[in-house]
Amino acid sequence: MKESNKTIIKSIPDFLDYCEVEKGLSNNTQRNYQRYLQRLVGWLKNTNKEGLLPHQLTSEDIWAYRLHLSRHTDRKGRSLKKISQNYYLIALRALLSYFTAKDIVSLPADKITLPKDARAEKTVKFLTLDQVEKLLLAANVKTSTGLRDRAILESLFSTGLRIAELVALNREQFANIKNKKDLELSIIGKGSHPRTVYFSERALEWLKKYLDTREDRDKALFIHYKTHEDVDARLTSRSMERIVKKYTILAGVPIFTTPHTLRHSYATDLLNQGVDIRTIQEFLGHRSITSTQIYTHVTNKRLRDIHRQFHSGKNMKE
């Protein structure tokens, strides 16, 4: 182990390169780390610790930073939720792990513990099937834009794809769907991990109708129509978020609805149909079962309802 003469702040770009090259983390994860570490940079500068080297970081500094996160308020006086504080701490912990991996003297990452109750704030928001149906039917499929949007909504609910995964799809992956009733598609998901997703007959029919209207040569599956020929027409994640928000309002479904809400709704529906949690993990592409266990609220409720309905004890004489 060696002491580095490069400050913590100047080490962050090296850490991000490490995340990309050696850890193989997705672009989104790298951007999130960069964004969360910017608060650390700001705190170091504001506390006159801009020149702090990795081996000079102490447990007292960590505690002071945690207090900063806990007491921080925005312009409207709102404090950071515990789950948000966790994200900043996770980024710092990843940075310390990087120092260890590179034999740079620093505090061990396990010096940063996360509050056990932070995840309790994170509740899964999902739509009922009736609400999903309203959302899917909200698009005006008599227009090319509405037909595209219907195909997007149907694809999100059918597959449980993350928004970035849906954005990345290309037309060539759907070149031979004309006579198919459903489709299994291999994709490269979060963290560059491959998995198979499944398009239902319903979703595939809307994709066929949408693709039949495409007269352009753009390789992207989903495009925006207001563009010049020399500009990339592929819809961005932000564009898809706006599309879902538009139909959320038109359909009158809960305003919290986002593309990820449809992913939650997909998983919740499968659980309600009796699919086990391990299979859901594979469908969603979670690397750890702990990520999938956020859906146990559904399982627990279903088990409670089954117990109430079928347990024989309720029919015994008292």
Protein backbone atom coordinates (compact mmCIF):
# COMPACT_ATOMS: atom_id res chain seq x y z
CA MET A 1 0.00 0.00 0.00
CA LYS A 2 1.27 3.47 -0.87
CA GLU A 3 0.26 6.99 0.00
CA SER A 4 -0.97 8.92 -3.02
CA ASN A 5 0.15 12.50 -3.70
CA LYS A 6 -3.01 13.12 -5.73
CA THR A 7 -5.89 14.77 -3.87
CA ILE A 8 -9.25 13.06 -3.38
CA ILE A 9 -10.87 15.54 -5.76
CA LYS A 10 -8.28 14.93 -8.50
CA SER A 11 -8.62 11.17 -7.98
CA ILE A 12 -12.30 11.15 -8.94
CA PRO A 13 -11.71 11.16 -12.75
CA ASP A 14 -9.38 8.16 -12.30
CA PHE A 15 -12.07 6.43 -10.25
CA LEU A 16 -14.64 6.99 -13.01
CA ASP A 17 -12.22 5.57 -15.61
CA TYR A 18 -11.76 2.56 -13.32
CA CYS A 19 -15.56 2.12 -13.15
CA GLU A 20 -15.73 2.08 -16.93
CA VAL A 21 -12.71 -0.02 -17.85
CA GLU A 22 -12.16 -2.42 -14.95
CA LYS A 23 -15.59 -2.62 -13.35
CA GLY A 24 -17.54 -2.46 -16.61
CA LEU A 25 -20.26 -0.30 -15.06
CA SER A 26 -22.93 1.23 -17.27
CA ASN A 27 -22.78 4.83 -18.44
CA ASN A 28 -25.74 5.64 -16.21
CA THR A 29 -23.99 4.28 -13.13
CA GLN A 30 -20.85 6.24 -13.97
CA ARG A 31 -22.86 9.43 -14.39
CA ASN A 32 -24.63 8.82 -11.09
CA TYR A 33 -21.31 8.30 -9.27
CA GLN A 34 -19.97 11.49 -10.82
CA ARG A 35 -23.07 13.43 -9.81
CA TYR A 36 -23.12 12.13 -6.24
CA LEU A 37 -19.41 12.76 -5.78
CA GLN A 38 -19.85 16.38 -6.85
CA ARG A 39 -21.49 17.03 -3.49
CA LEU A 40 -18.40 15.57 -1.79
CA VAL A 41 -16.24 17.90 -3.89
CA GLY A 42 -18.37 20.88 -2.90
CA TRP A 43 -18.21 19.92 0.77
CA LEU A 44 -14.42 19.51 0.67
CA LYS A 45 -14.03 22.94 -0.92
CA ASN A 46 -16.45 24.63 1.49
CA THR A 47 -14.61 23.17 4.50
CA ASN A 48 -11.15 24.12 3.19
CA LYS A 49 -10.23 20.47 2.62
CA GLU A 50 -9.76 20.80 -1.12
CA GLY A 51 -6.18 19.55 -0.86
CA LEU A 52 -7.05 16.48 1.24
CA LEU A 53 -5.17 13.34 0.17
CA PRO A 54 -6.77 9.89 0.40
CA HIS A 55 -4.68 8.81 3.42
CA GLN A 56 -5.58 12.05 5.23
CA LEU A 57 -9.31 11.38 5.21
CA THR A 58 -10.37 10.48 8.75
CA SER A 59 -13.40 8.93 10.41
CA GLU A 60 -14.14 12.40 11.79
CA ASP A 61 -14.27 13.75 8.22
CA ILE A 62 -16.72 11.01 7.27
CA TRP A 63 -18.91 11.86 10.24
CA ALA A 64 -18.81 15.58 9.39
CA TYR A 65 -19.82 14.79 5.80
CA ARG A 66 -22.71 12.65 7.02
CA LEU A 67 -23.89 15.50 9.22
CA HIS A 68 -23.69 17.78 6.19
CA LEU A 69 -25.91 15.40 4.20
CA SER A 70 -28.35 15.00 7.07
CA ARG A 71 -28.70 18.74 7.69
CA HIS A 72 -28.63 19.93 4.08
CA THR A 73 -31.74 21.72 2.80
CA ASP A 74 -32.53 23.03 -0.65
CA ARG A 75 -33.84 26.46 -1.54
CA LYS A 76 -37.35 25.42 -0.53
CA GLY A 77 -36.16 24.21 2.86
CA ARG A 78 -36.52 20.51 2.01
CA SER A 79 -33.99 18.11 3.50
CA LEU A 80 -32.46 15.08 1.81
CA LYS A 81 -34.38 11.84 2.29
CA LYS A 82 -32.43 9.07 3.97
CA ILE A 83 -32.49 7.00 0.80
CA SER A 84 -30.93 9.97 -1.08
CA GLN A 85 -28.28 10.36 1.63
CA ASN A 86 -27.48 6.71 1.09
CA TYR A 87 -26.74 7.27 -2.60
CA TYR A 88 -24.11 9.89 -1.74
CA LEU A 89 -22.57 7.58 0.85
CA ILE A 90 -22.57 4.62 -1.55
CA ALA A 91 -20.64 6.72 -4.09
CA LEU A 92 -18.08 7.67 -1.43
CA ARG A 93 -17.80 4.05 -0.35
CA ALA A 94 -17.16 3.04 -3.98
CA LEU A 95 -14.40 5.65 -4.16
CA LEU A 96 -12.74 4.24 -1.03
CA SER A 97 -13.01 0.72 -2.51
CA TYR A 98 -11.21 2.03 -5.59
CA PHE A 99 -8.35 3.31 -3.43
CA THR A 100 -8.05 -0.13 -1.83
CA ALA A 101 -8.10 -1.84 -5.24
CA LYS A 102 -5.26 0.41 -6.38
CA ASP A 103 -3.22 -0.16 -3.19
CA ILE A 104 -3.67 3.46 -2.15
CA VAL A 105 -3.74 4.07 1.61
CA SER A 106 -7.17 5.30 2.72
CA LEU A 107 -9.99 4.48 5.08
CA PRO A 108 -11.55 1.08 4.36
CA ALA A 109 -14.93 1.28 2.64
CA ASP A 110 -16.64 -0.64 5.45
CA LYS A 111 -16.06 2.38 7.70
CA ILE A 112 -19.13 3.82 5.98
CA THR A 113 -22.24 2.06 7.19
CA LEU A 114 -25.67 2.79 5.78
CA PRO A 115 -28.74 3.40 7.94
CA LYS A 116 -30.75 0.19 8.10
CA ASP A 117 -34.08 1.96 7.91
CA ALA A 118 -33.27 4.03 4.82
CA ARG A 119 -34.76 1.52 2.40
CA ALA A 120 -38.03 1.66 4.35
CA GLU A 121 -38.65 5.04 2.73
CA LYS A 122 -38.43 3.48 -0.69
CA THR A 123 -41.82 2.04 -1.51
CA VAL A 124 -42.67 0.47 -4.83
CA LYS A 125 -45.24 2.47 -6.76
CA PHE A 126 -47.17 0.51 -9.35
CA LEU A 127 -50.40 0.62 -11.31
CA THR A 128 -53.30 -1.80 -11.08
CA LEU A 129 -54.24 -3.64 -14.27
CA ASP A 130 -57.21 -1.31 -14.74
CA GLN A 131 -54.89 1.69 -14.53
CA VAL A 132 -52.39 0.10 -16.92
CA GLU A 133 -55.22 -0.51 -19.37
CA LYS A 134 -56.30 3.15 -19.20
CA LEU A 135 -52.73 4.24 -19.85
CA LEU A 136 -52.29 1.92 -22.83
CA LEU A 137 -55.56 3.06 -24.40
CA ALA A 138 -54.79 6.76 -24.01
CA ALA A 139 -52.77 7.14 -27.22
CA ASN A 140 -54.52 8.18 -30.44
CA VAL A 141 -53.37 5.37 -32.72
CA LYS A 142 -54.83 7.08 -35.79
CA THR A 143 -51.71 9.25 -35.89
CA SER A 144 -48.16 8.06 -36.51
CA THR A 145 -46.98 9.60 -33.25
CA GLY A 146 -49.81 8.02 -31.28
CA LEU A 147 -49.12 4.63 -32.86
CA ARG A 148 -45.47 4.89 -31.89
CA ASP A 149 -46.39 5.89 -28.35
CA ARG A 150 -48.80 2.96 -28.02
CA ALA A 151 -46.00 0.61 -29.11
CA ILE A 152 -43.71 2.16 -26.49
CA LEU A 153 -46.23 1.78 -23.67
CA GLU A 154 -47.11 -1.77 -24.66
CA SER A 155 -43.43 -2.72 -24.87
CA LEU A 156 -42.66 -1.30 -21.44
CA PHE A 157 -45.45 -3.25 -19.77
CA SER A 158 -44.89 -6.46 -21.73
CA THR A 159 -41.16 -6.73 -21.09
CA GLY A 160 -40.32 -4.83 -17.89
CA LEU A 161 -37.46 -3.18 -19.79
CA ARG A 162 -35.58 -0.33 -18.21
CA ILE A 163 -36.02 2.87 -20.16
CA ALA A 164 -32.36 2.92 -21.30
CA GLU A 165 -32.74 -0.66 -22.55
CA LEU A 166 -35.83 0.25 -24.58
CA VAL A 167 -34.16 3.34 -26.03
CA ALA A 168 -31.21 1.22 -27.20
CA LEU A 169 -33.31 -1.21 -29.27
CA ASN A 170 -32.85 -1.20 -33.05
CA ARG A 171 -35.21 -2.07 -35.91
CA GLU A 172 -33.03 -4.93 -37.11
CA GLN A 173 -33.85 -6.81 -33.91
CA PHE A 174 -37.47 -6.93 -35.10
CA ALA A 175 -36.80 -7.68 -38.77
CA ASN A 176 -38.54 -11.09 -38.82
CA ILE A 177 -41.60 -10.56 -36.64
CA LYS A 178 -44.25 -10.49 -39.39
CA ASN A 179 -45.51 -14.03 -38.78
CA LYS A 180 -44.62 -14.29 -35.09
CA LYS A 181 -47.12 -14.20 -32.25
CA ASP A 182 -44.55 -13.43 -29.58
CA LEU A 183 -40.85 -12.71 -29.38
CA GLU A 184 -37.88 -13.57 -27.18
CA LEU A 185 -35.16 -10.98 -27.50
CA SER A 186 -31.64 -11.04 -26.09
CA ILE A 187 -30.49 -7.66 -24.82
CA ILE A 188 -27.49 -6.25 -22.99
CA GLY A 189 -28.87 -4.79 -19.79
CA LYS A 190 -27.59 -2.79 -16.86
CA GLY A 191 -23.93 -3.40 -16.09
CA SER A 192 -23.46 -4.98 -19.55
CA HIS A 193 -25.19 -8.16 -18.39
CA PRO A 194 -27.14 -10.09 -21.08
CA ARG A 195 -30.68 -11.31 -20.49
CA THR A 196 -33.75 -12.37 -22.42
CA VAL A 197 -36.91 -10.27 -22.51
CA TYR A 198 -40.30 -11.36 -23.81
CA PHE A 199 -42.68 -9.40 -26.00
CA SER A 200 -46.28 -10.62 -25.72
CA GLU A 201 -48.53 -11.18 -28.73
CA ARG A 202 -50.34 -7.97 -27.84
CA ALA A 203 -47.17 -5.87 -27.67
CA LEU A 204 -45.80 -7.42 -30.84
CA GLU A 205 -48.97 -6.56 -32.78
CA TRP A 206 -48.59 -2.89 -31.90
CA LEU A 207 -44.91 -2.97 -32.83
CA LYS A 208 -45.83 -4.45 -36.23
CA LYS A 209 -48.41 -1.71 -36.84
CA TYR A 210 -45.92 0.96 -35.83
CA LEU A 211 -43.06 -0.43 -37.95
CA ASP A 212 -45.37 -0.69 -40.98
CA THR A 213 -45.63 3.11 -40.94
CA ARG A 214 -41.86 3.66 -40.92
CA GLU A 215 -40.55 4.86 -44.28
CA ASP A 216 -37.21 6.17 -43.02
CA ARG A 217 -33.88 4.35 -42.85
CA ASP A 218 -33.02 5.17 -39.25
CA LYS A 219 -31.77 2.12 -37.36
CA ALA A 220 -33.40 3.05 -34.05
CA LEU A 221 -36.60 1.22 -33.09
CA PHE A 222 -38.23 4.31 -31.65
CA ILE A 223 -37.65 7.70 -33.26
CA HIS A 224 -39.00 11.22 -33.07
CA TYR A 225 -40.43 12.61 -36.30
CA LYS A 226 -39.42 16.26 -36.04
CA THR A 227 -35.82 16.00 -37.16
CA HIS A 228 -33.48 16.64 -40.06
CA GLU A 229 -31.96 13.76 -41.99
CA ASP A 230 -28.47 14.41 -40.65
CA VAL A 231 -29.61 14.39 -37.00
CA ASP A 232 -29.96 11.24 -34.88
CA ALA A 233 -33.70 10.56 -34.66
CA ARG A 234 -33.52 8.02 -31.83
CA LEU A 235 -35.79 8.92 -28.93
CA THR A 236 -33.90 9.69 -25.73
CA SER A 237 -34.76 8.45 -22.25
CA ARG A 238 -35.97 11.95 -21.41
CA SER A 239 -38.28 11.95 -24.44
CA MET A 240 -39.81 8.65 -23.39
CA GLU A 241 -40.32 9.97 -19.87
CA ARG A 242 -42.23 12.91 -21.34
CA ILE A 243 -44.32 10.56 -23.48
CA VAL A 244 -45.33 8.46 -20.47
CA LYS A 245 -46.10 11.61 -18.47
CA LYS A 246 -48.30 12.91 -21.31
CA TYR A 247 -50.48 9.78 -21.30
CA THR A 248 -50.47 9.62 -17.52
CA ILE A 249 -52.32 12.94 -17.55
CA LEU A 250 -54.61 11.96 -20.43
CA ALA A 251 -55.52 8.62 -18.83
CA GLY A 252 -56.04 10.09 -15.37
CA VAL A 253 -53.77 7.55 -13.68
CA PRO A 254 -51.57 8.41 -10.66
CA ILE A 255 -49.21 11.28 -11.42
CA PHE A 256 -46.20 9.36 -10.06
CA THR A 257 -46.29 7.16 -13.18
CA THR A 258 -43.00 6.94 -15.06
CA PRO A 259 -41.48 4.34 -17.41
CA HIS A 260 -40.05 2.65 -14.30
CA THR A 261 -43.54 2.50 -12.79
CA LEU A 262 -44.52 0.25 -15.69
CA ARG A 263 -41.54 -1.97 -14.88
CA HIS A 264 -42.79 -2.17 -11.28
CA SER A 265 -46.32 -2.86 -12.56
CA TYR A 266 -44.99 -5.65 -14.79
CA ALA A 267 -43.24 -7.32 -11.86
CA THR A 268 -46.20 -6.83 -9.54
CA ASP A 269 -48.58 -8.39 -12.07
CA LEU A 270 -46.34 -11.45 -12.44
CA LEU A 271 -46.20 -11.87 -8.66
CA ASN A 272 -49.98 -11.60 -8.42
CA GLN A 273 -50.23 -14.36 -11.00
CA GLY A 274 -48.15 -16.62 -8.76
CA VAL A 275 -44.70 -16.30 -10.36
CA ASP A 276 -41.96 -16.88 -7.75
CA ILE A 277 -39.54 -14.14 -6.75
CA ARG A 278 -36.47 -15.88 -8.24
CA THR A 279 -38.10 -15.99 -11.66
CA ILE A 280 -39.04 -12.32 -11.34
CA GLN A 281 -35.37 -11.63 -10.60
CA GLU A 282 -34.42 -13.19 -13.95
CA PHE A 283 -37.14 -11.32 -15.84
CA LEU A 284 -35.98 -7.99 -14.43
CA GLY A 285 -32.26 -8.68 -14.81
CA HIS A 286 -31.45 -8.05 -11.15
CA ARG A 287 -27.99 -9.29 -10.23
CA SER A 288 -29.00 -9.73 -6.59
CA ILE A 289 -32.22 -11.10 -5.13
CA THR A 290 -32.18 -8.26 -2.62
CA SER A 291 -33.09 -5.86 -5.45
CA THR A 292 -36.12 -7.98 -6.29
CA GLN A 293 -37.25 -8.25 -2.69
CA ILE A 294 -38.71 -4.74 -2.84
CA TYR A 295 -41.71 -6.50 -4.36
CA THR A 296 -42.34 -8.68 -1.32
CA HIS A 297 -45.05 -6.23 -0.24
CA VAL A 298 -47.15 -7.79 -2.99
CA THR A 299 -46.29 -11.33 -1.98
CA ASN A 300 -47.03 -10.60 1.66
CA LYS A 301 -50.44 -9.11 0.86
CA ARG A 302 -51.32 -12.01 -1.42
CA LEU A 303 -50.33 -14.56 1.23
CA ARG A 304 -52.40 -12.71 3.82
CA ASP A 305 -55.46 -12.74 1.56
CA ILE A 306 -54.99 -16.45 0.80
CA HIS A 307 -54.66 -17.21 4.51
CA ARG A 308 -57.85 -15.30 5.29
CA GLN A 309 -59.76 -17.07 2.55
CA PHE A 310 -58.60 -20.65 2.92
CA HIS A 311 -57.26 -21.29 6.44
CA SER A 312 -59.69 -23.76 8.06
CA GLY A 313 -59.32 -22.39 11.56
CA LYS A 314 -61.97 -19.78 10.90
CA ASN A 315 -64.62 -22.48 10.56
CA MET A 316 -63.90 -24.20 13.89
CA LYS A 317 -66.23 -23.84 16.85
CA GLU A 318 -65.10 -21.40 19.47
